[in-house]
C-alpha atoms as a PDB file:
ATOM      1  CA  UNK A   1     124.557  95.364  69.264  1.00  0.00           C
ATOM      2  CA  UNK A   2     120.752  93.887  69.966  1.00  0.00           C
ATOM      3  CA  UNK A   3     117.671  96.106  70.776  1.00  0.00           C
ATOM      4  CA  UNK A   4     116.947  93.360  73.168  1.00  0.00           C
ATOM      5  CA  UNK A   5     116.874  94.352  76.792  1.00  0.00           C
ATOM      6  CA  UNK A   6     118.652  91.767  79.198  1.00  0.00           C
ATOM      7  CA  UNK A   7     118.295  90.925  82.983  1.00  0.00           C
ATOM      8  CA  UNK A   8     121.896  90.344  84.857  1.00  0.00           C
ATOM      9  CA  UNK A   9     121.520  87.759  87.548  1.00  0.00           C
ATOM     10  CA  UNK A  10     123.588  86.556  90.655  1.00  0.00           C
ATOM     11  CA  UNK A  11     122.990  83.204  92.379  1.00  0.00           C
ATOM     12  CA  UNK A  12     119.437  83.751  93.424  1.00  0.00           C
ATOM     13  CA  UNK A  13     118.923  87.693  92.809  1.00  0.00           C
ATOM     14  CA  UNK A  14     119.122  90.012  90.342  1.00  0.00           C
ATOM     15  CA  UNK A  15     120.171  93.662  89.276  1.00  0.00           C
ATOM     16  CA  UNK A  16     118.256  96.380  90.249  1.00  0.00           C
ATOM     17  CA  UNK A  17     117.325  99.032  87.700  1.00  0.00           C
ATOM     18  CA  UNK A  18     120.456 101.416  87.443  1.00  0.00           C
ATOM     19  CA  UNK A  19     122.672  98.963  89.007  1.00  0.00           C
ATOM     20  CA  UNK A  20     121.209 100.134  92.325  1.00  0.00           C
ATOM     21  CA  UNK A  21     121.393  97.219  94.766  1.00  0.00           C
ATOM     22  CA  UNK A  22     120.073  93.670  93.617  1.00  0.00           C
ATOM     23  CA  UNK A  23     116.142  91.954  94.203  1.00  0.00           C
ATOM     24  CA  UNK A  24     115.042  88.135  94.532  1.00  0.00           C
ATOM     25  CA  UNK A  25     112.122  89.617  93.111  1.00  0.00           C
ATOM     26  CA  UNK A  26     112.363  89.302  89.204  1.00  0.00           C
ATOM     27  CA  UNK A  27     109.468  91.732  88.556  1.00  0.00           C
ATOM     28  CA  UNK A  28     111.866  94.457  89.890  1.00  0.00           C
ATOM     29  CA  UNK A  29     114.957  93.325  88.017  1.00  0.00           C
ATOM     30  CA  UNK A  30     116.582  96.098  85.830  1.00  0.00           C
ATOM     31  CA  UNK A  31     116.894  95.902  81.787  1.00  0.00           C
ATOM     32  CA  UNK A  32     120.494  96.241  80.745  1.00  0.00           C
ATOM     33  CA  UNK A  33     121.441  96.833  76.655  1.00  0.00           C
ATOM     34  CA  UNK A  34     123.383  93.347  75.648  1.00  0.00           C
ATOM     35  CA  UNK A  35     126.436  95.789  75.603  1.00  0.00           C
ATOM     36  CA  UNK A  36     125.807  96.758  80.010  1.00  0.00           C
ATOM     37  CA  UNK A  37     125.086  93.303  80.522  1.00  0.00           C
ATOM     38  CA  UNK A  38     128.233  91.602  78.689  1.00  0.00           C
ATOM     39  CA  UNK A  39     130.152  94.551  80.332  1.00  0.00           C
ATOM     40  CA  UNK A  40     129.297  92.649  83.844  1.00  0.00           C
ATOM     41  CA  UNK A  41     129.076  89.306  83.073  1.00  0.00           C
ATOM     42  CA  UNK A  42     132.171  88.962  81.373  1.00  0.00           C
ATOM     43  CA  UNK A  43     134.660  89.599  84.618  1.00  0.00           C
ATOM     44  CA  UNK A  44     134.867  86.026  86.204  1.00  0.00           C
ATOM     45  CA  UNK A  45     135.221  87.616  89.286  1.00  0.00           C
ATOM     46  CA  UNK A  46     131.456  88.982  88.792  1.00  0.00           C
ATOM     47  CA  UNK A  47     129.474  85.810  89.283  1.00  0.00           C
ATOM     48  CA  UNK A  48     126.812  87.359  86.872  1.00  0.00           C
ATOM     49  CA  UNK A  49     125.157  85.950  83.726  1.00  0.00           C
ATOM     50  CA  UNK A  50     122.307  87.417  81.676  1.00  0.00           C
ATOM     51  CA  UNK A  51     119.553  86.256  79.784  1.00  0.00           C
ATOM     52  CA  UNK A  52     117.227  88.172  77.778  1.00  0.00           C
ATOM     53  CA  UNK A  53     114.045  89.671  79.189  1.00  0.00           C
ATOM     54  CA  UNK A  54     111.663  87.387  77.221  1.00  0.00           C
ATOM     55  CA  UNK A  55     113.626  84.723  79.374  1.00  0.00           C
ATOM     56  CA  UNK A  56     112.370  86.359  82.139  1.00  0.00           C
ATOM     57  CA  UNK A  57     109.371  84.895  82.828  1.00  0.00           C
ATOM     58  CA  UNK A  58     108.208  80.705  82.080  1.00  0.00           C
ATOM     59  CA  UNK A  59     104.431  81.015  80.609  1.00  0.00           C
ATOM     60  CA  UNK A  60     102.178  83.167  79.021  1.00  0.00           C
ATOM     61  CA  UNK A  61      99.542  82.445  82.067  1.00  0.00           C
ATOM     62  CA  UNK A  62     102.182  84.090  83.921  1.00  0.00           C
ATOM     63  CA  UNK A  63     102.830  87.001  81.847  1.00  0.00           C
ATOM     64  CA  UNK A  64      99.015  87.754  81.648  1.00  0.00           C
ATOM     65  CA  UNK A  65      98.792  88.048  85.881  1.00  0.00           C
ATOM     66  CA  UNK A  66     101.519  90.213  86.043  1.00  0.00           C
ATOM     67  CA  UNK A  67      99.813  92.604  82.982  1.00  0.00           C
ATOM     68  CA  UNK A  68      96.472  92.192  85.026  1.00  0.00           C
ATOM     69  CA  UNK A  69      98.135  93.360  88.322  1.00  0.00           C
ATOM     70  CA  UNK A  70      99.648  96.126  86.577  1.00  0.00           C
ATOM     71  CA  UNK A  71      96.234  97.283  85.296  1.00  0.00           C
ATOM     72  CA  UNK A  72      94.916  97.420  88.390  1.00  0.00           C
ATOM     73  CA  UNK A  73      97.604  99.022  89.609  1.00  0.00           C
ATOM     74  CA  UNK A  74      97.449 101.753  86.668  1.00  0.00           C
ATOM     75  CA  UNK A  75      93.546 102.265  87.272  1.00  0.00           C
ATOM     76  CA  UNK A  76      94.236 102.661  91.324  1.00  0.00           C
ATOM     77  CA  UNK A  77      96.877 105.112  90.602  1.00  0.00           C
ATOM     78  CA  UNK A  78      94.608 107.515  88.301  1.00  0.00           C
ATOM     79  CA  UNK A  79      91.917 106.934  90.787  1.00  0.00           C
ATOM     80  CA  UNK A  80      94.289 108.574  93.065  1.00  0.00           C
ATOM     81  CA  UNK A  81      95.897 111.261  90.769  1.00  0.00           C
ATOM     82  CA  UNK A  82      92.147 112.197  90.204  1.00  0.00           C
ATOM     83  CA  UNK A  83      91.653 112.402  93.859  1.00  0.00           C
ATOM     84  CA  UNK A  84      94.859 114.440  94.690  1.00  0.00           C
ATOM     85  CA  UNK A  85      94.011 116.846  91.768  1.00  0.00           C
ATOM     86  CA  UNK A  86      90.720 118.212  93.488  1.00  0.00           C
END
């Protein structure tokens, strides 16, 4: 078994975390072990495929933009938490 994580995809959508529905936003896709992904996708009726999370994004620039957005969200959440704690 691999330590890699995978996303599960049906045409046009990704599985959400914990198999809780679907999303067309790859940032909201759930991460699954290879065994979990194979179990779902090995059934030909599922219509699913899987690929490593590392292949989810197309360029370093795209990854850097996502990281920058997450850093902004993290800072906003930190500020909000300090306000709530007052």
